[in-house]
Amino acid sequence: MRFESSGKSTYCDGMQQFLSAIGRKCSVVNLDPANDRTSYPCALDIRDLVTLEEVMAEEELGPNGGVLYALEELEHNGDWLDKGLKGFGEDYVLFDCPGQVELFTHHSSLRNVFFRIQKLGYRLVALHLTDSYCLTLPSLYISTLLLSLRAMLQMDLPHLNVMTKIDKLASYGPLPFNLDFYTEVQDLSYLLPHLASENPVMRHPKFEGLNNAVVELVEDFGLVGFETLAVENKKSMMTLLQAIDRAGGYAFGGAEGANDTVWQVAMREGMKGMTIHDVQERWIDRKEEFDELEANEREEEARAQETPPLTEDGGEEDSDTEGMGPVPDSGVKVLRRS
């Protein structure tokens, strides 16, 4: 699940590639009837059942209403979904959902679809993606907290909220607090003065009381927190996947015991991921320094791959001998002493 433009298709594409790299068979299911150009290999597509264009034309609905109608169609055609999922075997499955907030705040079709999927034996984890830009404005951040809380209560699944595009956060300007204040949803009363300074209207007594009530509501539930993600960074992807595994109770299968790449071993052995302080240092405090360091490492790896392999005696292989035929018989017979 995600808000619009939070990077959900990029996430599905990146996670599908990462899972394949660590030896987990992965299939991606598109549940967005408006998504006609997926950036990932689509194993099952709702558009084979119903498309947004058809719904809008036949039912005279707008885009949002059309998506809701299409999800209701999916709910009423559960056998089609069951049949498609049974063909995946033991695959790790990603469900790419539409971005309309109604679907995961008060509309019941998407929740009912997932409850049906659970009955097939799937252990689901809801991933709620939000663009990290929301941290730059106190009003936007508090709105995000409310929507995240509502989604958690509505979907009633193991749930992770994720701040995406964290690698872009430094370009938006400095934040009044460190990143852990936002991801751990610490004492929100410290944010209220910044909310008042964002817009003079917020200084009115009636808004002050409303803001206090909203903050207290979020804190009283104590449910909302955030993971972070830079989808092009392997360690960031590994850290998020470890959090997903913990939430879903994932246990490694026998097929993964033979993993031998660095990232396969890291996931199997539970290698420590990035803490929020690591994320703060990598993407905010010392971003340029780390960017340069990683660029140098990539250049060194590229040069190492271009270096000709060594022979057993330590010399380089002679590429000039490649493709040559057998050496002619010189007439000299070599006898080996027993």
C-alpha atoms as a PDB file:
ATOM      1  CA  MET A   1       0.000   0.000   0.000  1.00  0.00           C
ATOM      2  CA  ARG A   2       1.187   3.517  -0.487  1.00  0.00           C
ATOM      3  CA  PHE A   3       0.322   7.126  -1.141  1.00  0.00           C
ATOM      4  CA  GLU A   4       0.564   8.300  -4.725  1.00  0.00           C
ATOM      5  CA  SER A   5       4.140   8.980  -5.927  1.00  0.00           C
ATOM      6  CA  SER A   6       5.714   7.310  -2.908  1.00  0.00           C
ATOM      7  CA  GLY A   7       7.714   4.896  -5.078  1.00  0.00           C
ATOM      8  CA  LYS A   8       5.665   1.700  -4.773  1.00  0.00           C
ATOM      9  CA  SER A   9       6.342   0.446  -8.317  1.00  0.00           C
ATOM     10  CA  THR A  10      10.035   1.216  -7.859  1.00  0.00           C
ATOM     11  CA  TYR A  11       9.925  -0.692  -4.573  1.00  0.00           C
ATOM     12  CA  CYS A  12       8.244  -3.736  -6.150  1.00  0.00           C
ATOM     13  CA  ASP A  13      10.775  -3.750  -8.972  1.00  0.00           C
ATOM     14  CA  GLY A  14      13.762  -3.275  -6.628  1.00  0.00           C
ATOM     15  CA  MET A  15      12.597  -5.811  -4.051  1.00  0.00           C
ATOM     16  CA  GLN A  16      11.845  -8.392  -6.744  1.00  0.00           C
ATOM     17  CA  GLN A  17      15.414  -8.040  -8.013  1.00  0.00           C
ATOM     18  CA  PHE A  18      16.880  -8.138  -4.501  1.00  0.00           C
ATOM     19  CA  LEU A  19      14.925 -11.253  -3.553  1.00  0.00           C
ATOM     20  CA  SER A  20      16.049 -12.978  -6.730  1.00  0.00           C
ATOM     21  CA  ALA A  21      19.664 -12.057  -5.922  1.00  0.00           C
ATOM     22  CA  ILE A  22      19.472 -13.695  -2.467  1.00  0.00           C
ATOM     23  CA  GLY A  23      17.837 -16.847  -3.790  1.00  0.00           C
ATOM     24  CA  ARG A  24      14.183 -16.331  -2.910  1.00  0.00           C
ATOM     25  CA  LYS A  25      11.735 -17.104  -5.689  1.00  0.00           C
ATOM     26  CA  CYS A  26       9.504 -14.063  -5.995  1.00  0.00           C
ATOM     27  CA  SER A  27       6.329 -13.256  -7.933  1.00  0.00           C
ATOM     28  CA  VAL A  28       4.672  -9.846  -8.194  1.00  0.00           C
ATOM     29  CA  VAL A  29       0.897  -9.445  -8.405  1.00  0.00           C
ATOM     30  CA  ASN A  30      -0.516  -6.199  -9.767  1.00  0.00           C
ATOM     31  CA  LEU A  31      -3.752  -5.238  -7.982  1.00  0.00           C
ATOM     32  CA  ASP A  32      -3.898  -1.744  -9.504  1.00  0.00           C
ATOM     33  CA  PRO A  33      -6.420  -1.680 -12.370  1.00  0.00           C
ATOM     34  CA  ALA A  34      -4.965   1.631 -13.566  1.00  0.00           C
ATOM     35  CA  ASN A  35      -1.374   0.386 -13.818  1.00  0.00           C
ATOM     36  CA  ASP A  36      -0.985  -0.646 -17.447  1.00  0.00           C
ATOM     37  CA  ARG A  37       2.825  -0.352 -17.554  1.00  0.00           C
ATOM     38  CA  THR A  38       4.507  -2.251 -14.747  1.00  0.00           C
ATOM     39  CA  SER A  39       8.268  -1.886 -14.363  1.00  0.00           C
ATOM     40  CA  TYR A  40       8.560  -5.453 -13.047  1.00  0.00           C
ATOM     41  CA  PRO A  41       7.680  -8.896 -14.464  1.00  0.00           C
ATOM     42  CA  CYS A  42       3.999  -9.266 -13.583  1.00  0.00           C
ATOM     43  CA  ALA A  43       3.028 -12.826 -12.640  1.00  0.00           C
ATOM     44  CA  LEU A  44      -0.667 -12.030 -12.114  1.00  0.00           C
ATOM     45  CA  ASP A  45      -2.464  -8.882 -13.232  1.00  0.00           C
ATOM     46  CA  ILE A  46      -5.877  -7.621 -12.139  1.00  0.00           C
ATOM     47  CA  ARG A  47      -6.171  -6.002 -15.562  1.00  0.00           C
ATOM     48  CA  ASP A  48      -6.713  -9.476 -17.006  1.00  0.00           C
ATOM     49  CA  LEU A  49      -9.937  -9.462 -14.977  1.00  0.00           C
ATOM     50  CA  VAL A  50     -10.988  -5.815 -15.035  1.00  0.00           C
ATOM     51  CA  THR A  51      -9.435  -2.555 -16.228  1.00  0.00           C
ATOM     52  CA  LEU A  52     -10.015   0.984 -15.048  1.00  0.00           C
ATOM     53  CA  GLU A  53     -10.778   2.169 -18.572  1.00  0.00           C
ATOM     54  CA  GLU A  54     -13.581  -0.375 -18.981  1.00  0.00           C
ATOM     55  CA  VAL A  55     -15.131   0.498 -15.623  1.00  0.00           C
ATOM     56  CA  MET A  56     -15.041   4.248 -16.271  1.00  0.00           C
ATOM     57  CA  ALA A  57     -16.635   3.821 -19.708  1.00  0.00           C
ATOM     58  CA  GLU A  58     -19.320   1.305 -18.719  1.00  0.00           C
ATOM     59  CA  GLU A  59     -20.250   2.656 -15.283  1.00  0.00           C
ATOM     60  CA  GLU A  60     -19.631   6.367 -15.983  1.00  0.00           C
ATOM     61  CA  LEU A  61     -17.323   6.713 -12.999  1.00  0.00           C
ATOM     62  CA  GLY A  62     -14.281   8.882 -12.392  1.00  0.00           C
ATOM     63  CA  PRO A  63     -10.787   7.492 -11.756  1.00  0.00           C
ATOM     64  CA  ASN A  64     -11.139   7.110  -7.982  1.00  0.00           C
ATOM     65  CA  GLY A  65     -14.618   5.617  -8.169  1.00  0.00           C
ATOM     66  CA  GLY A  66     -13.457   3.337 -10.960  1.00  0.00           C
ATOM     67  CA  VAL A  67     -10.626   1.924  -8.854  1.00  0.00           C
ATOM     68  CA  LEU A  68     -13.000   1.242  -5.947  1.00  0.00           C
ATOM     69  CA  TYR A  69     -15.430  -0.481  -8.305  1.00  0.00           C
ATOM     70  CA  ALA A  70     -12.632  -2.591  -9.795  1.00  0.00           C
ATOM     71  CA  LEU A  71     -11.505  -3.755  -6.340  1.00  0.00           C
ATOM     72  CA  GLU A  72     -15.099  -4.722  -5.568  1.00  0.00           C
ATOM     73  CA  GLU A  73     -15.078  -6.771  -8.776  1.00  0.00           C
ATOM     74  CA  LEU A  74     -11.909  -8.494  -7.587  1.00  0.00           C
ATOM     75  CA  GLU A  75     -13.520  -9.215  -4.220  1.00  0.00           C
ATOM     76  CA  HIS A  76     -16.530 -10.804  -5.929  1.00  0.00           C
ATOM     77  CA  ASN A  77     -14.298 -12.873  -8.249  1.00  0.00           C
ATOM     78  CA  GLY A  78     -12.107 -14.413  -5.596  1.00  0.00           C
ATOM     79  CA  ASP A  79     -11.902 -17.738  -7.453  1.00  0.00           C
ATOM     80  CA  TRP A  80      -9.927 -16.019 -10.221  1.00  0.00           C
ATOM     81  CA  LEU A  81      -7.390 -14.767  -7.681  1.00  0.00           C
ATOM     82  CA  ASP A  82      -7.243 -18.106  -5.845  1.00  0.00           C
ATOM     83  CA  LYS A  83      -6.482 -19.957  -9.072  1.00  0.00           C
ATOM     84  CA  GLY A  84      -3.706 -17.538 -10.019  1.00  0.00           C
ATOM     85  CA  LEU A  85      -2.026 -17.653  -6.596  1.00  0.00           C
ATOM     86  CA  LYS A  86      -2.050 -21.450  -6.402  1.00  0.00           C
ATOM     87  CA  GLY A  87       0.269 -21.529  -9.397  1.00  0.00           C
ATOM     88  CA  PHE A  88       3.013 -19.723  -7.448  1.00  0.00           C
ATOM     89  CA  GLY A  89       3.818 -22.634  -5.134  1.00  0.00           C
ATOM     90  CA  GLU A  90       6.163 -21.490  -2.344  1.00  0.00           C
ATOM     91  CA  ASP A  91       7.057 -18.170  -3.987  1.00  0.00           C
ATOM     92  CA  TYR A  92       7.494 -14.981  -1.972  1.00  0.00           C
ATOM     93  CA  VAL A  93       4.672 -12.796  -3.347  1.00  0.00           C
ATOM     94  CA  LEU A  94       4.532  -9.000  -3.586  1.00  0.00           C
ATOM     95  CA  PHE A  95       1.078  -7.436  -4.019  1.00  0.00           C
ATOM     96  CA  ASP A  96       1.220  -4.052  -5.740  1.00  0.00           C
ATOM     97  CA  CYS A  97      -1.861  -2.147  -4.557  1.00  0.00           C
ATOM     98  CA  PRO A  98      -3.541   1.030  -5.852  1.00  0.00           C
ATOM     99  CA  GLY A  99      -2.702   4.337  -4.208  1.00  0.00           C
ATOM    100  CA  GLN A 100      -6.192   5.604  -3.333  1.00  0.00           C
ATOM    101  CA  VAL A 101      -6.253   6.138   0.427  1.00  0.00           C
ATOM    102  CA  GLU A 102      -9.926   5.146   0.614  1.00  0.00           C
ATOM    103  CA  LEU A 103      -8.942   1.542  -0.043  1.00  0.00           C
ATOM    104  CA  PHE A 104      -6.952   1.230   3.174  1.00  0.00           C
ATOM    105  CA  THR A 105      -8.684   3.749   5.427  1.00  0.00           C
ATOM    106  CA  HIS A 106     -12.409   2.885   5.227  1.00  0.00           C
ATOM    107  CA  HIS A 107     -13.298   0.874   2.098  1.00  0.00           C
ATOM    108  CA  SER A 108     -13.535  -2.846   2.892  1.00  0.00           C
ATOM    109  CA  SER A 109     -12.817  -4.595  -0.441  1.00  0.00           C
ATOM    110  CA  LEU A 110      -9.012  -4.619  -0.270  1.00  0.00           C
ATOM    111  CA  ARG A 111      -9.077  -5.832   3.335  1.00  0.00           C
ATOM    112  CA  ASN A 112     -11.514  -8.608   2.424  1.00  0.00           C
ATOM    113  CA  VAL A 113      -9.312  -9.662  -0.497  1.00  0.00           C
ATOM    114  CA  PHE A 114      -6.317  -9.973   1.823  1.00  0.00           C
ATOM    115  CA  PHE A 115      -8.329 -11.910   4.408  1.00  0.00           C
ATOM    116  CA  ARG A 116      -9.246 -14.338   1.637  1.00  0.00           C
ATOM    117  CA  ILE A 117      -5.589 -14.665   0.642  1.00  0.00           C
ATOM    118  CA  GLN A 118      -4.670 -15.443   4.252  1.00  0.00           C
ATOM    119  CA  LYS A 119      -7.038 -18.427   4.164  1.00  0.00           C
ATOM    120  CA  LEU A 120      -4.880 -19.864   1.369  1.00  0.00           C
ATOM    121  CA  GLY A 121      -2.009 -20.090   3.855  1.00  0.00           C
ATOM    122  CA  TYR A 122      -0.206 -16.828   3.086  1.00  0.00           C
ATOM    123  CA  ARG A 123       1.360 -14.895   5.958  1.00  0.00           C
ATOM    124  CA  LEU A 124       0.802 -11.299   4.910  1.00  0.00           C
ATOM    125  CA  VAL A 125       2.603  -8.127   5.980  1.00  0.00           C
ATOM    126  CA  ALA A 126       1.119  -4.772   4.977  1.00  0.00           C
ATOM    127  CA  LEU A 127       3.776  -2.303   3.850  1.00  0.00           C
ATOM    128  CA  HIS A 128       2.580   1.310   3.899  1.00  0.00           C
ATOM    129  CA  LEU A 129       4.935   3.484   1.829  1.00  0.00           C
ATOM    130  CA  THR A 130       5.193   7.243   2.326  1.00  0.00           C
ATOM    131  CA  ASP A 131       7.497   9.722   0.594  1.00  0.00           C
ATOM    132  CA  SER A 132      10.032  11.074   3.104  1.00  0.00           C
ATOM    133  CA  TYR A 133       9.219  14.581   1.862  1.00  0.00           C
ATOM    134  CA  CYS A 134       6.388  14.556   4.406  1.00  0.00           C
ATOM    135  CA  LEU A 135       9.011  15.063   7.148  1.00  0.00           C
ATOM    136  CA  THR A 136       9.770  18.548   5.864  1.00  0.00           C
ATOM    137  CA  LEU A 137       6.390  20.004   6.882  1.00  0.00           C
ATOM    138  CA  PRO A 138       4.956  19.445  10.372  1.00  0.00           C
ATOM    139  CA  SER A 139       1.365  19.536   9.076  1.00  0.00           C
ATOM    140  CA  LEU A 140       2.149  16.940   6.409  1.00  0.00           C
ATOM    141  CA  TYR A 141       3.930  14.718   8.914  1.00  0.00           C
ATOM    142  CA  ILE A 142       1.020  14.790  11.368  1.00  0.00           C
ATOM    143  CA  SER A 143      -1.419  14.045   8.525  1.00  0.00           C
ATOM    144  CA  THR A 144       0.768  11.084   7.585  1.00  0.00           C
ATOM    145  CA  LEU A 145       0.641   9.815  11.170  1.00  0.00           C
ATOM    146  CA  LEU A 146      -3.159   9.932  11.150  1.00  0.00           C
ATOM    147  CA  LEU A 147      -3.443   8.133   7.819  1.00  0.00           C
ATOM    148  CA  SER A 148      -0.897   5.514   8.861  1.00  0.00           C
ATOM    149  CA  LEU A 149      -2.742   4.890  12.113  1.00  0.00           C
ATOM    150  CA  ARG A 150      -6.075   4.602  10.320  1.00  0.00           C
ATOM    151  CA  ALA A 151      -4.600   2.164   7.782  1.00  0.00           C
ATOM    152  CA  MET A 152      -3.168  -0.012  10.554  1.00  0.00           C
ATOM    153  CA  LEU A 153      -6.543  -0.204  12.279  1.00  0.00           C
ATOM    154  CA  GLN A 154      -8.460  -0.793   9.045  1.00  0.00           C
ATOM    155  CA  MET A 155      -6.264  -3.480   7.448  1.00  0.00           C
ATOM    156  CA  ASP A 156      -5.791  -5.462  10.687  1.00  0.00           C
ATOM    157  CA  LEU A 157      -2.586  -7.134   9.459  1.00  0.00           C
ATOM    158  CA  PRO A 158       1.045  -7.188  10.598  1.00  0.00           C
ATOM    159  CA  HIS A 159       1.990  -3.717   9.437  1.00  0.00           C
ATOM    160  CA  LEU A 160       5.114  -1.681   8.646  1.00  0.00           C
ATOM    161  CA  ASN A 161       5.144   2.001   7.761  1.00  0.00           C
ATOM    162  CA  VAL A 162       8.067   2.938   5.524  1.00  0.00           C
ATOM    163  CA  MET A 163       9.598   6.313   4.677  1.00  0.00           C
ATOM    164  CA  THR A 164      10.780   5.928   1.097  1.00  0.00           C
ATOM    165  CA  LYS A 165      13.300   7.999  -0.884  1.00  0.00           C
ATOM    166  CA  ILE A 166      15.267   8.603   2.314  1.00  0.00           C
ATOM    167  CA  ASP A 167      18.336   9.231   0.149  1.00  0.00           C
ATOM    168  CA  LYS A 168      16.631  12.398  -1.139  1.00  0.00           C
ATOM    169  CA  LEU A 169      15.829  13.833   2.288  1.00  0.00           C
ATOM    170  CA  ALA A 170      19.031  15.888   2.652  1.00  0.00           C
ATOM    171  CA  SER A 171      18.150  17.853  -0.501  1.00  0.00           C
ATOM    172  CA  TYR A 172      14.932  19.177   1.062  1.00  0.00           C
ATOM    173  CA  GLY A 173      16.715  21.257   3.699  1.00  0.00           C
ATOM    174  CA  PRO A 174      17.489  20.718   7.400  1.00  0.00           C
ATOM    175  CA  LEU A 175      14.938  19.198   9.754  1.00  0.00           C
ATOM    176  CA  PRO A 176      14.297  20.694  13.212  1.00  0.00           C
ATOM    177  CA  PHE A 177      14.917  17.276  14.826  1.00  0.00           C
ATOM    178  CA  ASN A 178      17.034  14.206  14.147  1.00  0.00           C
ATOM    179  CA  LEU A 179      15.536  11.447  12.040  1.00  0.00           C
ATOM    180  CA  ASP A 180      14.779   9.192  15.019  1.00  0.00           C
ATOM    181  CA  PHE A 181      12.325  11.801  16.349  1.00  0.00           C
ATOM    182  CA  TYR A 182      10.158  11.177  13.286  1.00  0.00           C
ATOM    183  CA  THR A 183      10.636   7.450  12.779  1.00  0.00           C
ATOM    184  CA  GLU A 184      10.053   6.577  16.434  1.00  0.00           C
ATOM    185  CA  VAL A 185       7.246   9.179  16.746  1.00  0.00           C
ATOM    186  CA  GLN A 186       8.682  10.680  19.892  1.00  0.00           C
ATOM    187  CA  ASP A 187       7.047  13.404  22.024  1.00  0.00           C
ATOM    188  CA  LEU A 188       4.992  15.222  19.392  1.00  0.00           C
ATOM    189  CA  SER A 189       4.349  18.207  21.658  1.00  0.00           C
ATOM    190  CA  TYR A 190       7.800  19.474  20.615  1.00  0.00           C
ATOM    191  CA  LEU A 191       6.524  19.638  17.047  1.00  0.00           C
ATOM    192  CA  LEU A 192       3.549  21.906  17.823  1.00  0.00           C
ATOM    193  CA  PRO A 193       5.537  25.215  17.892  1.00  0.00           C
ATOM    194  CA  HIS A 194       6.941  24.358  14.443  1.00  0.00           C
ATOM    195  CA  LEU A 195       3.421  23.603  13.264  1.00  0.00           C
ATOM    196  CA  ALA A 196       2.271  27.027  14.454  1.00  0.00           C
ATOM    197  CA  SER A 197       5.160  28.751  12.680  1.00  0.00           C
ATOM    198  CA  GLU A 198       4.398  26.911   9.436  1.00  0.00           C
ATOM    199  CA  ASN A 199       1.100  28.765   9.010  1.00  0.00           C
ATOM    200  CA  PRO A 200      -0.169  31.784  10.987  1.00  0.00           C
ATOM    201  CA  VAL A 201      -3.678  30.313  10.916  1.00  0.00           C
ATOM    202  CA  MET A 202      -2.463  27.483  13.155  1.00  0.00           C
ATOM    203  CA  ARG A 203      -1.876  30.000  15.972  1.00  0.00           C
ATOM    204  CA  HIS A 204      -5.609  30.521  16.420  1.00  0.00           C
ATOM    205  CA  PRO A 205      -6.839  29.023  19.731  1.00  0.00           C
ATOM    206  CA  LYS A 206      -9.331  26.678  18.052  1.00  0.00           C
ATOM    207  CA  PHE A 207      -6.599  25.138  15.881  1.00  0.00           C
ATOM    208  CA  GLU A 208      -4.273  24.895  18.850  1.00  0.00           C
ATOM    209  CA  GLY A 209      -6.808  22.749  20.679  1.00  0.00           C
ATOM    210  CA  LEU A 210      -7.397  20.601  17.597  1.00  0.00           C
ATOM    211  CA  ASN A 211      -3.676  20.049  17.036  1.00  0.00           C
ATOM    212  CA  ASN A 212      -3.183  19.028  20.657  1.00  0.00           C
ATOM    213  CA  ALA A 213      -6.060  16.552  20.390  1.00  0.00           C
ATOM    214  CA  VAL A 214      -4.657  14.992  17.198  1.00  0.00           C
ATOM    215  CA  VAL A 215      -1.193  14.630  18.716  1.00  0.00           C
ATOM    216  CA  GLU A 216      -2.604  13.040  21.872  1.00  0.00           C
ATOM    217  CA  LEU A 217      -4.679  10.622  19.781  1.00  0.00           C
ATOM    218  CA  VAL A 218      -1.632   9.341  17.891  1.00  0.00           C
ATOM    219  CA  GLU A 219       0.444   9.060  21.073  1.00  0.00           C
ATOM    220  CA  ASP A 220      -2.328   7.290  23.014  1.00  0.00           C
ATOM    221  CA  PHE A 221      -2.505   4.495  20.440  1.00  0.00           C
ATOM    222  CA  GLY A 222       1.287   4.175  20.406  1.00  0.00           C
ATOM    223  CA  LEU A 223       1.194   2.074  17.225  1.00  0.00           C
ATOM    224  CA  VAL A 224       2.835   4.201  14.554  1.00  0.00           C
ATOM    225  CA  GLY A 225       6.535   4.019  13.766  1.00  0.00           C
ATOM    226  CA  PHE A 226       8.535   4.071  10.550  1.00  0.00           C
ATOM    227  CA  GLU A 227      11.200   2.071   8.769  1.00  0.00           C
ATOM    228  CA  THR A 228      13.329   3.831   6.147  1.00  0.00           C
ATOM    229  CA  LEU A 229      14.227   2.864   2.604  1.00  0.00           C
ATOM    230  CA  ALA A 230      16.650   3.925  -0.115  1.00  0.00           C
ATOM    231  CA  VAL A 231      15.645   1.424  -2.765  1.00  0.00           C
ATOM    232  CA  GLU A 232      18.932   1.571  -4.697  1.00  0.00           C
ATOM    233  CA  ASN A 233      21.010   0.816  -1.589  1.00  0.00           C
ATOM    234  CA  LYS A 234      21.466  -2.912  -0.894  1.00  0.00           C
ATOM    235  CA  LYS A 235      22.026  -2.518   2.832  1.00  0.00           C
ATOM    236  CA  SER A 236      18.895  -0.400   3.156  1.00  0.00           C
ATOM    237  CA  MET A 237      16.902  -3.051   1.261  1.00  0.00           C
ATOM    238  CA  MET A 238      18.370  -5.794   3.449  1.00  0.00           C
ATOM    239  CA  THR A 239      17.444  -3.906   6.636  1.00  0.00           C
ATOM    240  CA  LEU A 240      13.842  -3.465   5.484  1.00  0.00           C
ATOM    241  CA  LEU A 241      13.549  -7.095   4.393  1.00  0.00           C
ATOM    242  CA  GLN A 242      14.755  -8.232   7.820  1.00  0.00           C
ATOM    243  CA  ALA A 243      11.999  -6.109   9.411  1.00  0.00           C
ATOM    244  CA  ILE A 244       9.426  -7.644   7.047  1.00  0.00           C
ATOM    245  CA  ASP A 245      10.662 -11.152   7.890  1.00  0.00           C
ATOM    246  CA  ARG A 246      10.289 -10.456  11.604  1.00  0.00           C
ATOM    247  CA  ALA A 247       6.769  -9.067  11.146  1.00  0.00           C
ATOM    248  CA  GLY A 248       5.648 -12.019   9.043  1.00  0.00           C
ATOM    249  CA  GLY A 249       7.446 -14.761  10.964  1.00  0.00           C
ATOM    250  CA  TYR A 250       9.472 -15.773   7.923  1.00  0.00           C
ATOM    251  CA  ALA A 251      11.710 -18.836   8.361  1.00  0.00           C
ATOM    252  CA  PHE A 252      14.401 -19.727   5.862  1.00  0.00           C
ATOM    253  CA  GLY A 253      13.704 -22.825   3.804  1.00  0.00           C
ATOM    254  CA  GLY A 254      16.120 -25.605   2.975  1.00  0.00           C
ATOM    255  CA  ALA A 255      16.701 -24.265  -0.524  1.00  0.00           C
ATOM    256  CA  GLU A 256      18.328 -21.168   0.921  1.00  0.00           C
ATOM    257  CA  GLY A 257      20.921 -23.160   2.875  1.00  0.00           C
ATOM    258  CA  ALA A 258      23.130 -23.245  -0.212  1.00  0.00           C
ATOM    259  CA  ASN A 259      23.285 -19.477  -0.632  1.00  0.00           C
ATOM    260  CA  ASP A 260      26.807 -18.298  -1.135  1.00  0.00           C
ATOM    261  CA  THR A 261      26.754 -14.628  -2.169  1.00  0.00           C
ATOM    262  CA  VAL A 262      27.488 -11.843   0.306  1.00  0.00           C
ATOM    263  CA  TRP A 263      23.861 -10.713   0.506  1.00  0.00           C
ATOM    264  CA  GLN A 264      22.529 -14.250   0.667  1.00  0.00           C
ATOM    265  CA  VAL A 265      24.807 -15.044   3.611  1.00  0.00           C
ATOM    266  CA  ALA A 266      23.922 -11.703   5.236  1.00  0.00           C
ATOM    267  CA  MET A 267      20.207 -12.493   5.170  1.00  0.00           C
ATOM    268  CA  ARG A 268      20.669 -16.118   6.239  1.00  0.00           C
ATOM    269  CA  GLU A 269      22.978 -15.316   9.134  1.00  0.00           C
ATOM    270  CA  GLY A 270      20.963 -12.297  10.289  1.00  0.00           C
ATOM    271  CA  MET A 271      23.687  -9.757   9.557  1.00  0.00           C
ATOM    272  CA  LYS A 272      23.072  -6.498  11.389  1.00  0.00           C
ATOM    273  CA  GLY A 273      21.284  -3.963   9.240  1.00  0.00           C
ATOM    274  CA  MET A 274      21.240  -0.189   9.441  1.00  0.00           C
ATOM    275  CA  THR A 275      20.069   1.439  12.658  1.00  0.00           C
ATOM    276  CA  ILE A 276      18.272   4.774  12.475  1.00  0.00           C
ATOM    277  CA  HIS A 277      21.506   6.454  13.574  1.00  0.00           C
ATOM    278  CA  ASP A 278      23.299   4.783  10.659  1.00  0.00           C
ATOM    279  CA  VAL A 279      20.608   6.122   8.330  1.00  0.00           C
ATOM    280  CA  GLN A 280      20.990   9.611   9.815  1.00  0.00           C
ATOM    281  CA  GLU A 281      24.739   9.517   9.232  1.00  0.00           C
ATOM    282  CA  ARG A 282      24.585   7.932   5.778  1.00  0.00           C
ATOM    283  CA  TRP A 283      21.821   9.959   4.155  1.00  0.00           C
ATOM    284  CA  ILE A 284      21.775  13.255   6.075  1.00  0.00           C
ATOM    285  CA  ASP A 285      24.892  14.130   8.099  1.00  0.00           C
ATOM    286  CA  ARG A 286      27.613  12.712   5.799  1.00  0.00           C
ATOM    287  CA  LYS A 287      25.757  11.958   2.582  1.00  0.00           C
ATOM    288  CA  GLU A 288      28.300  13.491   0.179  1.00  0.00           C
ATOM    289  CA  GLU A 289      31.199  11.716   1.881  1.00  0.00           C
ATOM    290  CA  PHE A 290      29.488   8.326   1.708  1.00  0.00           C
ATOM    291  CA  ASP A 291      28.355   8.926  -1.873  1.00  0.00           C
ATOM    292  CA  GLU A 292      31.955   9.552  -2.917  1.00  0.00           C
ATOM    293  CA  LEU A 293      33.191   6.513  -0.974  1.00  0.00           C
ATOM    294  CA  GLU A 294      30.643   4.204  -2.597  1.00  0.00           C
ATOM    295  CA  ALA A 295      31.395   5.626  -6.047  1.00  0.00           C
ATOM    296  CA  ASN A 296      35.097   4.833  -5.538  1.00  0.00           C
ATOM    297  CA  GLU A 297      34.239   1.297  -4.435  1.00  0.00           C
ATOM    298  CA  ARG A 298      32.140   0.761  -7.564  1.00  0.00           C
ATOM    299  CA  GLU A 299      34.999   1.999  -9.744  1.00  0.00           C
ATOM    300  CA  GLU A 300      37.435  -0.387  -8.038  1.00  0.00           C
ATOM    301  CA  GLU A 301      35.041  -3.298  -8.548  1.00  0.00           C
ATOM    302  CA  ALA A 302      34.672  -2.390 -12.227  1.00  0.00           C
ATOM    303  CA  ARG A 303      38.455  -2.252 -12.673  1.00  0.00           C
ATOM    304  CA  ALA A 304      38.852  -5.588 -10.902  1.00  0.00           C
ATOM    305  CA  GLN A 305      36.409  -7.196 -13.305  1.00  0.00           C
ATOM    306  CA  GLU A 306      38.339  -5.828 -16.282  1.00  0.00           C
ATOM    307  CA  THR A 307      41.695  -7.222 -15.032  1.00  0.00           C
ATOM    308  CA  PRO A 308      42.688 -10.434 -16.928  1.00  0.00           C
ATOM    309  CA  PRO A 309      42.644 -13.550 -14.717  1.00  0.00           C
ATOM    310  CA  LEU A 310      45.983 -14.993 -13.523  1.00  0.00           C
ATOM    311  CA  THR A 311      47.340 -18.384 -14.526  1.00  0.00           C
ATOM    312  CA  GLU A 312      48.593 -20.944 -12.017  1.00  0.00           C
ATOM    313  CA  ASP A 313      52.161 -19.594 -12.204  1.00  0.00           C
ATOM    314  CA  GLY A 314      50.945 -16.079 -11.357  1.00  0.00           C
ATOM    315  CA  GLY A 315      51.132 -14.673 -14.884  1.00  0.00           C
ATOM    316  CA  GLU A 316      48.293 -13.339 -16.973  1.00  0.00           C
ATOM    317  CA  GLU A 317      46.527 -15.609 -19.411  1.00  0.00           C
ATOM    318  CA  ASP A 318      47.697 -15.098 -22.970  1.00  0.00           C
ATOM    319  CA  SER A 319      44.635 -14.217 -24.962  1.00  0.00           C
ATOM    320  CA  ASP A 320      46.639 -14.675 -28.217  1.00  0.00           C
ATOM    321  CA  THR A 321      46.554 -18.471 -27.783  1.00  0.00           C
ATOM    322  CA  GLU A 322      42.764 -18.558 -27.632  1.00  0.00           C
ATOM    323  CA  GLY A 323      41.179 -20.223 -30.610  1.00  0.00           C
ATOM    324  CA  MET A 324      44.470 -21.829 -31.851  1.00  0.00           C
ATOM    325  CA  GLY A 325      44.476 -25.436 -33.004  1.00  0.00           C
ATOM    326  CA  PRO A 326      46.578 -28.301 -31.541  1.00  0.00           C
ATOM    327  CA  VAL A 327      50.393 -27.976 -31.492  1.00  0.00           C
ATOM    328  CA  PRO A 328      52.012 -29.962 -34.363  1.00  0.00           C
ATOM    329  CA  ASP A 329      53.929 -33.176 -33.447  1.00  0.00           C
ATOM    330  CA  SER A 330      57.661 -32.378 -33.159  1.00  0.00           C
ATOM    331  CA  GLY A 331      58.672 -36.031 -33.368  1.00  0.00           C
ATOM    332  CA  VAL A 332      60.191 -35.967 -29.881  1.00  0.00           C
ATOM    333  CA  LYS A 333      58.834 -38.634 -27.572  1.00  0.00           C
ATOM    334  CA  VAL A 334      58.907 -37.943 -23.863  1.00  0.00           C
ATOM    335  CA  LEU A 335      59.322 -40.959 -21.593  1.00  0.00           C
ATOM    336  CA  ARG A 336      58.254 -40.750 -17.938  1.00  0.00           C
ATOM    337  CA  ARG A 337      60.315 -42.718 -15.446  1.00  0.00           C
ATOM    338  CA  SER A 338      58.351 -44.968 -13.201  1.00  0.00           C
END
